[in-house]
Amino acid sequence: MEQVAVFCGNCDCGCPTLYVDEAAPADQRVVLTDDFGQRVRMSSEQFRSLVEEAKAGRLDHV
């Protein structure tokens, strides 16, 4: 898996991290890990939709 981004980076505590797994099936290539060791897998299209929602401000209330 190729690491794309770390969402914290100020420590070495297992911060949430975004990866791309080119070896995975297309619907599972984007991988988001949390600091508890859990993973969420999604397609590039699903991730793109999430990013678009965030850019549009529709996630600001979270």
N, C-alpha and C. Protein backbone atom coordinates (compact mmCIF):
# COMPACT_ATOMS: atom_id res chain seq x y z
N MET A 1 0.85 -1.19 0.00
CA MET A 1 0.00 0.00 0.00
C MET A 1 0.89 1.23 0.00
N GLU A 2 0.46 2.23 -0.72
CA GLU A 2 1.17 3.50 -0.79
C GLU A 2 0.50 4.51 0.14
N GLN A 3 1.26 5.05 1.07
CA GLN A 3 0.73 6.06 1.99
C GLN A 3 0.55 7.37 1.24
N VAL A 4 -0.62 7.98 1.42
CA VAL A 4 -0.95 9.23 0.73
C VAL A 4 -0.96 10.41 1.70
N ALA A 5 -1.54 10.22 2.90
CA ALA A 5 -1.64 11.32 3.86
C ALA A 5 -1.78 10.76 5.27
N VAL A 6 -1.26 11.53 6.24
CA VAL A 6 -1.41 11.22 7.65
C VAL A 6 -2.17 12.38 8.28
N PHE A 7 -3.24 12.06 9.00
CA PHE A 7 -4.10 13.10 9.57
C PHE A 7 -3.78 13.31 11.04
N CYS A 8 -2.70 13.93 11.29
CA CYS A 8 -2.20 14.30 12.62
C CYS A 8 -0.73 14.59 12.42
N GLY A 9 0.07 13.52 12.45
CA GLY A 9 1.47 13.66 12.17
C GLY A 9 2.30 14.30 13.26
N ASN A 10 1.67 14.72 14.34
CA ASN A 10 2.40 15.39 15.41
C ASN A 10 2.90 14.42 16.47
N CYS A 11 2.70 13.15 16.23
CA CYS A 11 3.10 12.15 17.21
C CYS A 11 3.38 10.84 16.50
N ASP A 12 3.69 9.83 17.26
CA ASP A 12 3.89 8.50 16.69
C ASP A 12 2.90 7.54 17.35
N CYS A 13 1.63 7.94 17.33
CA CYS A 13 0.61 7.18 18.07
C CYS A 13 -0.33 6.42 17.15
N GLY A 14 0.01 6.29 15.88
CA GLY A 14 -0.87 5.58 14.98
C GLY A 14 -1.98 6.45 14.44
N CYS A 15 -1.67 7.62 14.03
CA CYS A 15 -2.66 8.58 13.54
C CYS A 15 -3.43 8.02 12.33
N PRO A 16 -4.66 8.49 12.11
CA PRO A 16 -5.41 8.07 10.92
C PRO A 16 -4.57 8.34 9.67
N THR A 17 -4.57 7.36 8.76
CA THR A 17 -3.72 7.43 7.58
C THR A 17 -4.51 6.99 6.36
N LEU A 18 -4.26 7.65 5.24
CA LEU A 18 -4.89 7.33 3.96
C LEU A 18 -3.88 6.63 3.07
N TYR A 19 -4.29 5.49 2.50
CA TYR A 19 -3.44 4.71 1.61
C TYR A 19 -4.17 4.43 0.31
N VAL A 20 -3.40 4.10 -0.73
CA VAL A 20 -3.94 3.55 -1.96
C VAL A 20 -3.32 2.17 -2.12
N ASP A 21 -4.17 1.16 -2.29
CA ASP A 21 -3.73 -0.22 -2.45
C ASP A 21 -4.03 -0.65 -3.88
N GLU A 22 -3.06 -0.50 -4.76
CA GLU A 22 -3.25 -0.81 -6.18
C GLU A 22 -3.49 -2.30 -6.42
N ALA A 23 -3.09 -3.15 -5.48
CA ALA A 23 -3.28 -4.59 -5.64
C ALA A 23 -4.69 -5.05 -5.25
N ALA A 24 -5.45 -4.19 -4.61
CA ALA A 24 -6.81 -4.54 -4.16
C ALA A 24 -7.80 -4.43 -5.31
N PRO A 25 -8.96 -5.08 -5.18
CA PRO A 25 -10.02 -4.89 -6.17
C PRO A 25 -10.39 -3.41 -6.27
N ALA A 26 -10.87 -2.99 -7.42
CA ALA A 26 -11.16 -1.57 -7.68
C ALA A 26 -12.08 -0.94 -6.63
N ASP A 27 -13.00 -1.71 -6.10
CA ASP A 27 -13.95 -1.15 -5.12
C ASP A 27 -13.38 -1.09 -3.71
N GLN A 28 -12.10 -1.45 -3.55
CA GLN A 28 -11.48 -1.44 -2.22
C GLN A 28 -10.09 -0.81 -2.22
N ARG A 29 -9.75 -0.03 -3.22
CA ARG A 29 -8.37 0.48 -3.36
C ARG A 29 -8.00 1.60 -2.41
N VAL A 30 -8.94 2.40 -1.99
CA VAL A 30 -8.65 3.49 -1.05
C VAL A 30 -8.85 2.94 0.35
N VAL A 31 -7.83 3.09 1.19
CA VAL A 31 -7.86 2.53 2.54
C VAL A 31 -7.60 3.65 3.54
N LEU A 32 -8.49 3.77 4.50
CA LEU A 32 -8.34 4.75 5.58
C LEU A 32 -8.23 3.97 6.88
N THR A 33 -7.11 4.13 7.58
CA THR A 33 -6.93 3.46 8.86
C THR A 33 -7.13 4.47 9.97
N ASP A 34 -7.61 3.99 11.12
CA ASP A 34 -7.75 4.89 12.27
C ASP A 34 -6.66 4.57 13.29
N ASP A 35 -6.64 5.30 14.37
CA ASP A 35 -5.59 5.12 15.37
C ASP A 35 -5.86 3.94 16.29
N PHE A 36 -6.91 3.15 16.00
CA PHE A 36 -7.22 1.95 16.76
C PHE A 36 -6.94 0.69 15.94
N GLY A 37 -6.41 0.87 14.74
CA GLY A 37 -6.07 -0.27 13.89
C GLY A 37 -7.18 -0.74 12.97
N GLN A 38 -8.31 -0.06 12.96
CA GLN A 38 -9.42 -0.43 12.08
C GLN A 38 -9.19 0.17 10.69
N ARG A 39 -9.81 -0.44 9.69
CA ARG A 39 -9.68 0.02 8.31
C ARG A 39 -11.04 0.18 7.65
N VAL A 40 -11.11 1.17 6.80
CA VAL A 40 -12.27 1.36 5.93
C VAL A 40 -11.72 1.32 4.51
N ARG A 41 -12.32 0.52 3.67
CA ARG A 41 -11.91 0.43 2.26
C ARG A 41 -13.04 0.97 1.40
N MET A 42 -12.67 1.69 0.36
CA MET A 42 -13.67 2.24 -0.55
C MET A 42 -13.07 2.37 -1.94
N SER A 43 -13.93 2.60 -2.90
CA SER A 43 -13.47 2.80 -4.27
C SER A 43 -12.97 4.23 -4.44
N SER A 44 -12.24 4.45 -5.50
CA SER A 44 -11.77 5.81 -5.81
C SER A 44 -12.94 6.75 -6.01
N GLU A 45 -14.02 6.26 -6.62
CA GLU A 45 -15.19 7.09 -6.85
C GLU A 45 -15.85 7.49 -5.53
N GLN A 46 -15.94 6.56 -4.59
CA GLN A 46 -16.51 6.87 -3.28
C GLN A 46 -15.64 7.90 -2.55
N PHE A 47 -14.34 7.72 -2.63
CA PHE A 47 -13.44 8.67 -1.99
C PHE A 47 -13.54 10.05 -2.64
N ARG A 48 -13.62 10.08 -3.96
CA ARG A 48 -13.77 11.34 -4.69
C ARG A 48 -15.05 12.06 -4.24
N SER A 49 -16.13 11.32 -4.07
CA SER A 49 -17.38 11.90 -3.60
C SER A 49 -17.22 12.49 -2.20
N LEU A 50 -16.53 11.78 -1.32
CA LEU A 50 -16.27 12.27 0.04
C LEU A 50 -15.48 13.57 0.01
N VAL A 51 -14.45 13.62 -0.82
CA VAL A 51 -13.63 14.83 -0.93
C VAL A 51 -14.46 15.98 -1.47
N GLU A 52 -15.28 15.73 -2.48
CA GLU A 52 -16.14 16.78 -3.03
C GLU A 52 -17.10 17.33 -1.98
N GLU A 53 -17.68 16.44 -1.18
CA GLU A 53 -18.58 16.88 -0.10
C GLU A 53 -17.83 17.77 0.89
N ALA A 54 -16.62 17.36 1.25
CA ALA A 54 -15.82 18.14 2.20
C ALA A 54 -15.46 19.50 1.61
N LYS A 55 -15.03 19.53 0.36
CA LYS A 55 -14.66 20.80 -0.29
C LYS A 55 -15.85 21.75 -0.37
N ALA A 56 -17.03 21.20 -0.54
CA ALA A 56 -18.23 22.02 -0.67
C ALA A 56 -18.73 22.51 0.70
N GLY A 57 -18.10 22.05 1.78
CA GLY A 57 -18.48 22.51 3.11
C GLY A 57 -19.60 21.72 3.75
N ARG A 58 -20.05 20.65 3.08
CA ARG A 58 -21.18 19.89 3.61
C ARG A 58 -20.82 19.00 4.80
N LEU A 59 -19.54 18.95 5.16
CA LEU A 59 -19.12 18.17 6.31
C LEU A 59 -18.62 19.05 7.45
N ASP A 60 -18.70 20.36 7.27
CA ASP A 60 -18.17 21.28 8.27
C ASP A 60 -18.84 21.15 9.64
N HIS A 61 -20.09 20.73 9.68
CA HIS A 61 -20.81 20.62 10.95
C HIS A 61 -20.38 19.41 11.78
N VAL A 62 -19.62 18.49 11.17
CA VAL A 62 -19.22 17.27 11.88
C VAL A 62 -18.13 17.58 12.88
